[in-house]
C-alpha atoms as a PDB file:
ATOM      1  CA  MET A   1      83.505 178.248 -17.434  1.00  0.00           C
ATOM      2  CA  ASN A   2      81.436 175.806 -15.398  1.00  0.00           C
ATOM      3  CA  ARG A   3      78.476 177.272 -13.489  1.00  0.00           C
ATOM      4  CA  LYS A   4      78.480 176.446  -9.740  1.00  0.00           C
ATOM      5  CA  ASN A   5      75.459 174.574  -8.362  1.00  0.00           C
ATOM      6  CA  GLY A   6      73.303 176.392  -5.773  1.00  0.00           C
ATOM      7  CA  PHE A   7      70.514 178.886  -5.271  1.00  0.00           C
ATOM      8  CA  THR A   8      70.644 182.420  -6.442  1.00  0.00           C
ATOM      9  CA  LEU A   9      69.660 185.082  -3.942  1.00  0.00           C
ATOM     10  CA  VAL A  10      66.345 185.585  -5.731  1.00  0.00           C
ATOM     11  CA  GLU A  11      65.555 181.858  -5.633  1.00  0.00           C
ATOM     12  CA  LEU A  12      66.419 181.698  -1.930  1.00  0.00           C
ATOM     13  CA  LEU A  13      64.156 184.632  -1.166  1.00  0.00           C
ATOM     14  CA  VAL A  14      61.313 183.019  -3.137  1.00  0.00           C
ATOM     15  CA  VAL A  15      61.716 179.744  -1.178  1.00  0.00           C
ATOM     16  CA  ILE A  16      61.741 181.633   2.139  1.00  0.00           C
ATOM     17  CA  ALA A  17      58.612 183.520   1.102  1.00  0.00           C
ATOM     18  CA  ILE A  18      56.828 180.283   0.169  1.00  0.00           C
ATOM     19  CA  ILE A  19      57.777 178.698   3.489  1.00  0.00           C
ATOM     20  CA  GLY A  20      56.516 181.795   5.301  1.00  0.00           C
ATOM     21  CA  VAL A  21      53.177 181.599   3.507  1.00  0.00           C
ATOM     22  CA  LEU A  22      52.832 177.907   4.329  1.00  0.00           C
ATOM     23  CA  ILE A  23      53.596 178.540   7.997  1.00  0.00           C
ATOM     24  CA  GLY A  24      51.100 181.383   7.991  1.00  0.00           C
ATOM     25  CA  LEU A  25      48.460 179.029   6.628  1.00  0.00           C
ATOM     26  CA  LEU A  26      49.373 176.288   9.086  1.00  0.00           C
ATOM     27  CA  LEU A  27      49.428 178.317  12.327  1.00  0.00           C
ATOM     28  CA  PRO A  28      45.679 179.070  12.464  1.00  0.00           C
ATOM     29  CA  ALA A  29      44.961 175.367  12.003  1.00  0.00           C
ATOM     30  CA  VAL A  30      47.364 174.493  14.836  1.00  0.00           C
ATOM     31  CA  GLN A  31      45.826 177.139  17.089  1.00  0.00           C
ATOM     32  CA  SER A  32      42.355 175.895  16.238  1.00  0.00           C
ATOM     33  CA  ALA A  33      43.334 172.325  17.089  1.00  0.00           C
ATOM     34  CA  ARG A  34      44.826 173.441  20.404  1.00  0.00           C
ATOM     35  CA  GLU A  35      41.690 175.390  21.299  1.00  0.00           C
ATOM     36  CA  ALA A  36      39.535 172.395  20.400  1.00  0.00           C
ATOM     37  CA  ALA A  37      41.606 170.290  22.791  1.00  0.00           C
ATOM     38  CA  ARG A  38      41.302 172.927  25.530  1.00  0.00           C
ATOM     39  CA  ARG A  39      37.563 173.162  25.029  1.00  0.00           C
ATOM     40  CA  MET A  40      37.295 169.387  25.332  1.00  0.00           C
ATOM     41  CA  ARG A  41      39.287 169.440  28.583  1.00  0.00           C
ATOM     42  CA  CYS A  42      37.047 172.210  29.878  1.00  0.00           C
ATOM     43  CA  SER A  43      33.982 170.144  28.994  1.00  0.00           C
ATOM     44  CA  ASN A  44      35.445 167.222  30.914  1.00  0.00           C
ATOM     45  CA  ASN A  45      36.086 169.468  33.932  1.00  0.00           C
ATOM     46  CA  LEU A  46      32.446 170.471  34.021  1.00  0.00           C
ATOM     47  CA  LYS A  47      31.316 166.899  33.597  1.00  0.00           C
ATOM     48  CA  GLN A  48      33.409 165.805  36.577  1.00  0.00           C
ATOM     49  CA  ILE A  49      32.022 168.655  38.707  1.00  0.00           C
ATOM     50  CA  ALA A  50      28.458 167.725  37.743  1.00  0.00           C
ATOM     51  CA  LEU A  51      29.066 164.042  38.447  1.00  0.00           C
ATOM     52  CA  ALA A  52      30.554 164.964  41.827  1.00  0.00           C
ATOM     53  CA  CYS A  53      27.364 166.880  42.625  1.00  0.00           C
ATOM     54  CA  GLN A  54      25.403 163.810  41.553  1.00  0.00           C
ATOM     55  CA  ALA A  55      27.516 161.614  43.830  1.00  0.00           C
ATOM     56  CA  TYR A  56      26.863 164.072  46.675  1.00  0.00           C
ATOM     57  CA  THR A  57      23.102 163.444  46.341  1.00  0.00           C
ATOM     58  CA  SER A  58      23.627 159.732  46.961  1.00  0.00           C
ATOM     59  CA  TYR A  59      24.928 160.405  50.469  1.00  0.00           C
ATOM     60  CA  ASN A  60      22.801 163.432  51.364  1.00  0.00           C
ATOM     61  CA  MET A  61      19.154 162.443  51.054  1.00  0.00           C
ATOM     62  CA  GLU A  62      19.043 163.093  47.292  1.00  0.00           C
ATOM     63  CA  ALA A  63      19.937 166.749  47.760  1.00  0.00           C
ATOM     64  CA  PHE A  64      22.503 168.558  45.646  1.00  0.00           C
ATOM     65  CA  PRO A  65      25.176 170.437  47.590  1.00  0.00           C
ATOM     66  CA  PRO A  66      23.996 173.801  48.919  1.00  0.00           C
ATOM     67  CA  ALA A  67      25.481 176.799  47.143  1.00  0.00           C
ATOM     68  CA  THR A  68      27.143 177.748  50.412  1.00  0.00           C
ATOM     69  CA  GLY A  69      27.279 176.288  53.892  1.00  0.00           C
ATOM     70  CA  MET A  70      24.485 177.368  56.206  1.00  0.00           C
ATOM     71  CA  ILE A  71      26.421 178.177  59.369  1.00  0.00           C
ATOM     72  CA  LYS A  72      26.005 181.458  61.222  1.00  0.00           C
ATOM     73  CA  TYR A  73      29.543 182.551  62.028  1.00  0.00           C
ATOM     74  CA  ASN A  74      30.594 184.936  64.759  1.00  0.00           C
ATOM     75  CA  THR A  75      34.355 184.973  64.386  1.00  0.00           C
ATOM     76  CA  ALA A  76      36.734 187.922  64.446  1.00  0.00           C
ATOM     77  CA  HIS A  77      36.566 188.469  60.684  1.00  0.00           C
ATOM     78  CA  SER A  78      33.133 187.005  59.958  1.00  0.00           C
ATOM     79  CA  LYS A  79      30.460 188.443  62.207  1.00  0.00           C
ATOM     80  CA  SER A  80      27.470 187.108  60.337  1.00  0.00           C
ATOM     81  CA  LYS A  81      23.922 188.427  60.613  1.00  0.00           C
ATOM     82  CA  GLU A  82      22.446 185.310  59.051  1.00  0.00           C
ATOM     83  CA  GLU A  83      23.195 181.720  58.140  1.00  0.00           C
ATOM     84  CA  GLY A  84      25.168 181.388  54.934  1.00  0.00           C
ATOM     85  CA  SER A  85      27.135 184.631  55.018  1.00  0.00           C
ATOM     86  CA  TYR A  86      30.914 184.188  54.727  1.00  0.00           C
ATOM     87  CA  ASN A  87      30.348 180.458  54.124  1.00  0.00           C
ATOM     88  CA  HIS A  88      32.253 178.016  51.920  1.00  0.00           C
ATOM     89  CA  CYS A  89      31.358 177.395  48.288  1.00  0.00           C
ATOM     90  CA  PHE A  90      29.742 174.118  47.186  1.00  0.00           C
ATOM     91  CA  THR A  91      33.041 173.309  45.471  1.00  0.00           C
ATOM     92  CA  VAL A  92      34.369 172.615  48.978  1.00  0.00           C
ATOM     93  CA  PHE A  93      31.579 170.143  49.759  1.00  0.00           C
ATOM     94  CA  ILE A  94      32.233 168.054  46.637  1.00  0.00           C
ATOM     95  CA  LEU A  95      35.977 167.669  47.296  1.00  0.00           C
ATOM     96  CA  PRO A  96      35.580 164.086  48.597  1.00  0.00           C
ATOM     97  CA  TYR A  97      33.892 163.160  45.309  1.00  0.00           C
ATOM     98  CA  ILE A  98      36.758 164.422  43.124  1.00  0.00           C
ATOM     99  CA  ASP A  99      39.489 162.492  44.990  1.00  0.00           C
ATOM    100  CA  GLN A 100      40.313 165.418  47.287  1.00  0.00           C
ATOM    101  CA  GLN A 101      39.316 163.901  50.645  1.00  0.00           C
ATOM    102  CA  VAL A 102      42.617 164.868  52.289  1.00  0.00           C
ATOM    103  CA  LEU A 103      42.170 168.486  51.218  1.00  0.00           C
ATOM    104  CA  TYR A 104      38.588 168.458  52.503  1.00  0.00           C
ATOM    105  CA  ASP A 105      39.686 167.057  55.860  1.00  0.00           C
ATOM    106  CA  SER A 106      42.237 169.848  56.198  1.00  0.00           C
ATOM    107  CA  ILE A 107      39.533 172.542  56.270  1.00  0.00           C
ATOM    108  CA  ASP A 108      38.446 173.837  59.663  1.00  0.00           C
ATOM    109  CA  PHE A 109      34.712 174.432  59.377  1.00  0.00           C
ATOM    110  CA  THR A 110      34.548 176.115  62.776  1.00  0.00           C
ATOM    111  CA  LEU A 111      36.048 179.058  60.896  1.00  0.00           C
ATOM    112  CA  SER A 112      34.406 180.731  57.923  1.00  0.00           C
ATOM    113  CA  ALA A 113      35.776 180.670  54.394  1.00  0.00           C
ATOM    114  CA  TRP A 114      36.773 184.317  54.845  1.00  0.00           C
ATOM    115  CA  ASP A 115      38.732 183.500  58.010  1.00  0.00           C
ATOM    116  CA  MET A 116      41.100 181.408  55.898  1.00  0.00           C
ATOM    117  CA  TYR A 117      42.614 184.617  54.479  1.00  0.00           C
ATOM    118  CA  TYR A 118      43.492 185.903  57.945  1.00  0.00           C
ATOM    119  CA  GLN A 119      45.061 182.701  59.298  1.00  0.00           C
ATOM    120  CA  ASN A 120      48.837 182.506  59.612  1.00  0.00           C
ATOM    121  CA  PRO A 121      49.970 180.436  57.865  1.00  0.00           C
ATOM    122  CA  LYS A 122      47.102 180.425  55.419  1.00  0.00           C
ATOM    123  CA  PRO A 123      45.414 177.011  55.025  1.00  0.00           C
ATOM    124  CA  ALA A 124      46.596 174.851  52.144  1.00  0.00           C
ATOM    125  CA  ALA A 125      43.125 174.703  50.609  1.00  0.00           C
ATOM    126  CA  LEU A 126      43.034 178.464  50.016  1.00  0.00           C
ATOM    127  CA  MET A 127      46.137 178.340  47.818  1.00  0.00           C
ATOM    128  CA  THR A 128      45.559 174.938  46.193  1.00  0.00           C
ATOM    129  CA  VAL A 129      44.979 175.174  42.453  1.00  0.00           C
ATOM    130  CA  ILE A 130      42.623 172.393  41.363  1.00  0.00           C
ATOM    131  CA  PRO A 131      42.906 171.845  37.583  1.00  0.00           C
ATOM    132  CA  MET A 132      39.288 170.639  37.452  1.00  0.00           C
ATOM    133  CA  TYR A 133      38.125 174.025  38.710  1.00  0.00           C
ATOM    134  CA  TYR A 134      39.452 176.190  35.897  1.00  0.00           C
ATOM    135  CA  CYS A 135      39.204 176.211  32.121  1.00  0.00           C
ATOM    136  CA  PRO A 136      42.526 175.596  30.303  1.00  0.00           C
ATOM    137  CA  SER A 137      41.582 178.385  27.888  1.00  0.00           C
ATOM    138  CA  TYR A 138      41.465 180.922  30.721  1.00  0.00           C
ATOM    139  CA  GLN A 139      44.019 183.536  29.676  1.00  0.00           C
ATOM    140  CA  ARG A 140      45.002 184.856  33.092  1.00  0.00           C
ATOM    141  CA  GLU A 141      46.628 183.614  36.293  1.00  0.00           C
ATOM    142  CA  VAL A 142      44.570 181.199  38.366  1.00  0.00           C
ATOM    143  CA  LEU A 143      46.471 181.856  41.591  1.00  0.00           C
ATOM    144  CA  CYS A 144      45.738 185.374  42.764  1.00  0.00           C
ATOM    145  CA  THR A 145      48.151 186.784  45.342  1.00  0.00           C
ATOM    146  CA  GLU A 146      46.636 190.248  45.622  1.00  0.00           C
ATOM    147  CA  ASN A 147      46.202 190.917  49.336  1.00  0.00           C
ATOM    148  CA  ILE A 148      42.457 191.446  49.341  1.00  0.00           C
ATOM    149  CA  ASN A 149      40.327 188.965  51.258  1.00  0.00           C
ATOM    150  CA  TYR A 150      37.868 188.291  48.424  1.00  0.00           C
ATOM    151  CA  LYS A 151      40.567 187.840  45.758  1.00  0.00           C
ATOM    152  CA  TYR A 152      43.474 186.067  47.444  1.00  0.00           C
ATOM    153  CA  GLY A 153      43.672 182.359  46.631  1.00  0.00           C
ATOM    154  CA  ALA A 154      43.231 179.784  43.884  1.00  0.00           C
ATOM    155  CA  LEU A 155      40.511 180.883  41.483  1.00  0.00           C
ATOM    156  CA  TRP A 156      37.850 178.925  39.666  1.00  0.00           C
ATOM    157  CA  THR A 157      36.432 179.891  36.270  1.00  0.00           C
ATOM    158  CA  TYR A 158      33.047 178.235  36.663  1.00  0.00           C
ATOM    159  CA  ASN A 159      29.916 179.141  38.611  1.00  0.00           C
ATOM    160  CA  GLY A 160      26.770 177.367  39.632  1.00  0.00           C
ATOM    161  CA  VAL A 161      23.545 178.380  37.904  1.00  0.00           C
ATOM    162  CA  GLY A 162      21.228 180.117  40.382  1.00  0.00           C
ATOM    163  CA  GLY A 163      18.065 180.320  38.328  1.00  0.00           C
ATOM    164  CA  VAL A 164      16.556 183.257  36.468  1.00  0.00           C
ATOM    165  CA  VAL A 165      15.518 186.790  37.366  1.00  0.00           C
ATOM    166  CA  TYR A 166      12.592 187.780  35.171  1.00  0.00           C
ATOM    167  CA  THR A 167      11.988 191.237  33.773  1.00  0.00           C
ATOM    168  CA  SER A 168       8.649 192.919  34.487  1.00  0.00           C
ATOM    169  CA  GLU A 169       7.564 192.116  30.904  1.00  0.00           C
ATOM    170  CA  GLU A 170       8.434 188.453  31.353  1.00  0.00           C
ATOM    171  CA  ARG A 171       6.599 188.349  34.668  1.00  0.00           C
ATOM    172  CA  ASN A 172       3.473 189.838  33.100  1.00  0.00           C
ATOM    173  CA  ALA A 173       3.626 187.291  30.285  1.00  0.00           C
ATOM    174  CA  LYS A 174       3.834 184.457  32.813  1.00  0.00           C
ATOM    175  CA  GLN A 175       0.808 185.429  34.876  1.00  0.00           C
ATOM    176  CA  GLY A 176      -1.125 182.306  35.777  1.00  0.00           C
ATOM    177  CA  GLU A 177       2.105 180.298  36.017  1.00  0.00           C
ATOM    178  CA  PRO A 178       3.078 180.902  39.650  1.00  0.00           C
ATOM    179  CA  TYR A 179       5.492 177.974  39.702  1.00  0.00           C
ATOM    180  CA  VAL A 180       7.978 179.930  37.599  1.00  0.00           C
ATOM    181  CA  ILE A 181       7.595 183.218  39.470  1.00  0.00           C
ATOM    182  CA  ALA A 182       9.506 182.163  42.558  1.00  0.00           C
ATOM    183  CA  PRO A 183      10.025 184.658  45.390  1.00  0.00           C
ATOM    184  CA  GLU A 184      13.269 186.587  45.156  1.00  0.00           C
ATOM    185  CA  VAL A 185      15.593 187.242  48.067  1.00  0.00           C
ATOM    186  CA  THR A 186      16.831 190.821  48.153  1.00  0.00           C
ATOM    187  CA  ALA A 187      20.588 191.307  48.256  1.00  0.00           C
ATOM    188  CA  PRO A 188      21.862 194.523  49.890  1.00  0.00           C
ATOM    189  CA  ASN A 189      24.326 196.921  48.258  1.00  0.00           C
ATOM    190  CA  ASN A 190      22.855 196.349  44.793  1.00  0.00           C
ATOM    191  CA  TYR A 191      24.336 192.849  44.514  1.00  0.00           C
ATOM    192  CA  GLY A 192      21.159 191.673  42.774  1.00  0.00           C
ATOM    193  CA  ASN A 193      18.116 189.692  43.845  1.00  0.00           C
ATOM    194  CA  LEU A 194      18.387 185.914  44.222  1.00  0.00           C
ATOM    195  CA  PRO A 195      15.502 183.828  42.836  1.00  0.00           C
ATOM    196  CA  ASP A 196      14.476 180.389  44.043  1.00  0.00           C
ATOM    197  CA  ASN A 197      14.097 178.608  40.730  1.00  0.00           C
ATOM    198  CA  GLY A 198      17.581 177.303  39.934  1.00  0.00           C
ATOM    199  CA  MET A 199      19.769 174.378  40.930  1.00  0.00           C
ATOM    200  CA  PHE A 200      21.443 176.626  43.513  1.00  0.00           C
ATOM    201  CA  SER A 201      19.496 178.889  45.850  1.00  0.00           C
ATOM    202  CA  TRP A 202      20.144 181.029  48.884  1.00  0.00           C
ATOM    203  CA  GLN A 203      20.025 179.041  52.138  1.00  0.00           C
ATOM    204  CA  LYS A 204      18.692 175.947  50.420  1.00  0.00           C
ATOM    205  CA  ALA A 205      19.900 172.596  49.136  1.00  0.00           C
ATOM    206  CA  VAL A 206      17.873 171.578  46.081  1.00  0.00           C
ATOM    207  CA  LYS A 207      16.592 168.001  46.099  1.00  0.00           C
ATOM    208  CA  ILE A 208      16.226 165.904  42.963  1.00  0.00           C
ATOM    209  CA  SER A 209      12.463 165.841  43.468  1.00  0.00           C
ATOM    210  CA  MET A 210      12.398 169.651  43.210  1.00  0.00           C
ATOM    211  CA  VAL A 211      13.762 169.570  39.645  1.00  0.00           C
ATOM    212  CA  THR A 212      10.414 169.208  37.917  1.00  0.00           C
ATOM    213  CA  ASP A 213      11.793 170.261  34.526  1.00  0.00           C
ATOM    214  CA  GLY A 214      14.038 167.193  34.532  1.00  0.00           C
ATOM    215  CA  LEU A 215      17.741 166.942  35.293  1.00  0.00           C
ATOM    216  CA  SER A 216      18.662 166.701  31.612  1.00  0.00           C
ATOM    217  CA  ASN A 217      16.896 170.002  30.871  1.00  0.00           C
ATOM    218  CA  THR A 218      18.340 172.040  33.724  1.00  0.00           C
ATOM    219  CA  LEU A 219      21.702 173.825  33.863  1.00  0.00           C
ATOM    220  CA  LEU A 220      23.857 173.151  36.918  1.00  0.00           C
ATOM    221  CA  VAL A 221      27.273 174.768  36.324  1.00  0.00           C
ATOM    222  CA  SER A 222      28.619 177.031  33.578  1.00  0.00           C
ATOM    223  CA  GLU A 223      31.761 178.936  32.671  1.00  0.00           C
ATOM    224  CA  TYR A 224      32.246 182.368  34.219  1.00  0.00           C
ATOM    225  CA  ILE A 225      35.262 184.672  33.691  1.00  0.00           C
ATOM    226  CA  GLN A 226      33.708 188.149  33.943  1.00  0.00           C
ATOM    227  CA  LYS A 227      36.005 191.140  34.329  1.00  0.00           C
ATOM    228  CA  ASP A 228      34.968 194.808  34.173  1.00  0.00           C
ATOM    229  CA  SER A 229      36.336 196.966  31.366  1.00  0.00           C
ATOM    230  CA  THR A 230      37.455 199.684  33.769  1.00  0.00           C
ATOM    231  CA  GLY A 231      37.678 200.422  37.467  1.00  0.00           C
ATOM    232  CA  THR A 232      38.174 198.330  40.596  1.00  0.00           C
ATOM    233  CA  TYR A 233      37.252 195.011  39.007  1.00  0.00           C
ATOM    234  CA  SER A 234      39.127 195.415  35.724  1.00  0.00           C
ATOM    235  CA  THR A 235      42.394 193.919  37.023  1.00  0.00           C
ATOM    236  CA  GLN A 236      43.046 190.307  37.857  1.00  0.00           C
ATOM    237  CA  ALA A 237      40.939 188.552  39.076  1.00  0.00           C
ATOM    238  CA  GLY A 238      38.141 190.881  38.026  1.00  0.00           C
ATOM    239  CA  ASN A 239      34.881 189.422  39.329  1.00  0.00           C
ATOM    240  CA  VAL A 240      36.231 185.856  39.492  1.00  0.00           C
ATOM    241  CA  ARG A 241      36.718 184.540  43.030  1.00  0.00           C
ATOM    242  CA  PRO A 242      38.676 181.792  44.849  1.00  0.00           C
ATOM    243  CA  TRP A 243      36.913 178.446  44.786  1.00  0.00           C
ATOM    244  CA  VAL A 244      36.721 178.208  48.594  1.00  0.00           C
ATOM    245  CA  LEU A 245      34.517 181.332  48.923  1.00  0.00           C
ATOM    246  CA  GLY A 246      30.748 181.002  48.702  1.00  0.00           C
ATOM    247  CA  THR A 247      29.396 184.440  49.551  1.00  0.00           C
ATOM    248  CA  ASN A 248      30.210 187.686  51.283  1.00  0.00           C
ATOM    249  CA  GLU A 249      28.283 189.269  54.173  1.00  0.00           C
ATOM    250  CA  ASN A 250      25.676 190.884  51.881  1.00  0.00           C
ATOM    251  CA  ARG A 251      24.507 187.919  49.786  1.00  0.00           C
ATOM    252  CA  GLY A 252      26.983 188.704  47.065  1.00  0.00           C
ATOM    253  CA  MET A 253      27.221 185.231  45.539  1.00  0.00           C
ATOM    254  CA  TYR A 254      30.593 183.756  44.575  1.00  0.00           C
ATOM    255  CA  ALA A 255      29.146 180.236  44.307  1.00  0.00           C
ATOM    256  CA  TYR A 256      26.631 180.938  41.561  1.00  0.00           C
ATOM    257  CA  LYS A 257      25.289 183.506  39.151  1.00  0.00           C
ATOM    258  CA  VAL A 258      21.706 184.247  38.141  1.00  0.00           C
ATOM    259  CA  ILE A 259      20.791 184.176  34.447  1.00  0.00           C
ATOM    260  CA  LYS A 260      19.508 187.512  33.223  1.00  0.00           C
ATOM    261  CA  TYR A 261      21.691 188.348  30.215  1.00  0.00           C
ATOM    262  CA  LYS A 262      23.020 186.601  27.133  1.00  0.00           C
ATOM    263  CA  ILE A 263      26.182 184.503  27.266  1.00  0.00           C
ATOM    264  CA  ASN A 264      29.392 186.535  26.815  1.00  0.00           C
ATOM    265  CA  GLU A 265      27.435 189.790  27.035  1.00  0.00           C
ATOM    266  CA  PRO A 266      30.081 192.494  27.623  1.00  0.00           C
ATOM    267  CA  TYR A 267      28.190 194.043  30.536  1.00  0.00           C
ATOM    268  CA  ASP A 268      29.993 194.907  33.751  1.00  0.00           C
ATOM    269  CA  ARG A 269      29.393 196.225  37.253  1.00  0.00           C
ATOM    270  CA  ILE A 270      30.796 199.705  36.767  1.00  0.00           C
ATOM    271  CA  GLY A 271      30.092 200.806  33.210  1.00  0.00           C
ATOM    272  CA  ASP A 272      26.688 199.100  32.895  1.00  0.00           C
ATOM    273  CA  ASN A 273      25.653 199.029  36.557  1.00  0.00           C
ATOM    274  CA  VAL A 274      24.913 195.292  36.419  1.00  0.00           C
ATOM    275  CA  PRO A 275      24.486 193.749  39.902  1.00  0.00           C
ATOM    276  CA  PHE A 276      27.253 191.323  40.841  1.00  0.00           C
ATOM    277  CA  ASN A 277      24.859 188.351  41.167  1.00  0.00           C
ATOM    278  CA  HIS A 278      23.533 188.941  37.655  1.00  0.00           C
ATOM    279  CA  LEU A 279      26.806 189.239  35.738  1.00  0.00           C
ATOM    280  CA  PRO A 280      26.684 187.143  32.547  1.00  0.00           C
ATOM    281  CA  MET A 281      28.297 183.760  32.107  1.00  0.00           C
ATOM    282  CA  GLY A 282      31.213 183.759  29.682  1.00  0.00           C
ATOM    283  CA  SER A 283      34.422 182.082  28.570  1.00  0.00           C
ATOM    284  CA  ASP A 284      37.587 182.479  26.524  1.00  0.00           C
ATOM    285  CA  HIS A 285      36.248 180.007  23.971  1.00  0.00           C
ATOM    286  CA  VAL A 286      34.946 181.247  20.646  1.00  0.00           C
ATOM    287  CA  ASP A 287      31.204 181.975  20.469  1.00  0.00           C
ATOM    288  CA  GLY A 288      29.962 180.460  23.707  1.00  0.00           C
ATOM    289  CA  VAL A 289      30.439 178.496  26.922  1.00  0.00           C
ATOM    290  CA  ASN A 290      30.544 174.922  28.106  1.00  0.00           C
ATOM    291  CA  SER A 291      27.746 174.193  30.553  1.00  0.00           C
ATOM    292  CA  ALA A 292      26.940 171.117  32.610  1.00  0.00           C
ATOM    293  CA  LYS A 293      23.382 169.980  33.247  1.00  0.00           C
ATOM    294  CA  ALA A 294      22.082 168.442  36.437  1.00  0.00           C
ATOM    295  CA  ASP A 295      22.174 164.936  34.942  1.00  0.00           C
ATOM    296  CA  GLY A 296      25.934 165.172  34.370  1.00  0.00           C
ATOM    297  CA  SER A 297      25.843 165.829  30.628  1.00  0.00           C
ATOM    298  CA  VAL A 298      27.658 168.800  29.091  1.00  0.00           C
ATOM    299  CA  ALA A 299      26.652 171.023  26.178  1.00  0.00           C
ATOM    300  CA  PHE A 300      28.345 173.929  24.423  1.00  0.00           C
ATOM    301  CA  LEU A 301      25.916 176.847  24.460  1.00  0.00           C
ATOM    302  CA  ASN A 302      26.287 179.356  21.658  1.00  0.00           C
ATOM    303  CA  GLN A 303      26.256 182.987  22.755  1.00  0.00           C
ATOM    304  CA  ASN A 304      23.678 183.781  20.077  1.00  0.00           C
ATOM    305  CA  MET A 305      21.136 181.240  21.313  1.00  0.00           C
ATOM    306  CA  ASP A 306      17.635 182.476  22.018  1.00  0.00           C
ATOM    307  CA  VAL A 307      17.584 184.100  25.453  1.00  0.00           C
ATOM    308  CA  ALA A 308      14.173 182.606  26.250  1.00  0.00           C
ATOM    309  CA  VAL A 309      15.550 179.098  25.659  1.00  0.00           C
ATOM    310  CA  TYR A 310      18.644 179.903  27.709  1.00  0.00           C
ATOM    311  CA  LYS A 311      16.517 181.120  30.618  1.00  0.00           C
ATOM    312  CA  ALA A 312      14.260 178.073  30.384  1.00  0.00           C
ATOM    313  CA  MET A 313      17.328 175.876  30.791  1.00  0.00           C
ATOM    314  CA  GLY A 314      18.366 177.937  33.819  1.00  0.00           C
ATOM    315  CA  THR A 315      15.274 177.098  35.874  1.00  0.00           C
ATOM    316  CA  ARG A 316      14.540 173.809  37.607  1.00  0.00           C
ATOM    317  CA  ASN A 317      10.773 174.318  37.785  1.00  0.00           C
ATOM    318  CA  GLY A 318       9.800 176.574  34.906  1.00  0.00           C
ATOM    319  CA  GLY A 319       7.763 174.009  33.007  1.00  0.00           C
ATOM    320  CA  SER A 320      10.263 174.136  30.153  1.00  0.00           C
ATOM    321  CA  PRO A 321      10.101 171.369  27.523  1.00  0.00           C
ATOM    322  CA  GLU A 322      12.983 169.340  26.139  1.00  0.00           C
ATOM    323  CA  ASN A 323      15.421 171.918  24.803  1.00  0.00           C
ATOM    324  CA  GLY A 324      16.854 169.732  22.079  1.00  0.00           C
ATOM    325  CA  LEU A 325      20.473 170.586  22.788  1.00  0.00           C
ATOM    326  CA  GLY A 326      22.811 167.627  22.600  1.00  0.00           C
ATOM    327  CA  GLU A 327      26.044 166.815  24.380  1.00  0.00           C
ATOM    328  CA  ASP A 328      29.569 167.505  23.172  1.00  0.00           C
END
């Protein structure tokens, strides 16, 4: 009797098993390639933001955009005690330099950034997702519709770098170097002191001439996705804020963060009692963050880098030497 051609059940199962193993080997490589592409897009986002800040200096007396506007508002929802409170983030001021002039022109600056939440209908800018303002590896929604004034709107997953807060030990070690021990502005409600040694400062626009460490050695913008492990800020959007908001009424900074801890450090506001302004930079990439320097270049900073080097890069006037980190 002639034997029919075809696979036996055992042979078929072996082939299926082999295919499964091959797919299992292939998937990590595919995922790795996709993440590499996302990280490259993120790097390009930061580069465009940094170049927009550079372009801003050309039309504003060689000054980088201020972290927030410096208007003293007295509107129904923004009764400010000082200039800067409730103001717009610097990401608003660079809109004309990222081909968003129409969006910029639509913003009513007689009203604060916080007033946008209470307008009816809400302004287009508040709900406009700008792809350049968020990392493609961000694993959560970028349009937050939770009806809370500091959360509602299109988010951004980057933050300006607002210098460095030194520990008492670091301050003692730097005695005799007053140029790096800049005065710190106190923030109420335990939001965290704000130093005056970074590319973004409270109530100040930093001029190119003030960056004595050199633009290529000084961090300008970095990734920031911090979310608490438990409590009020553990749900979306955590401690990430809409890109239109610069600060609240108590110098809680949405425009920038101060470097005090390592990259991707799992510290949070509730469990570790870390002040909001000092929450660590972080990303959904593996092992680090993309960061743009003041000259427009971008580097990937490993989370295990020496903290002293990281802090040196975070100051504009710390006397730090060439850091040796290249571009992506």
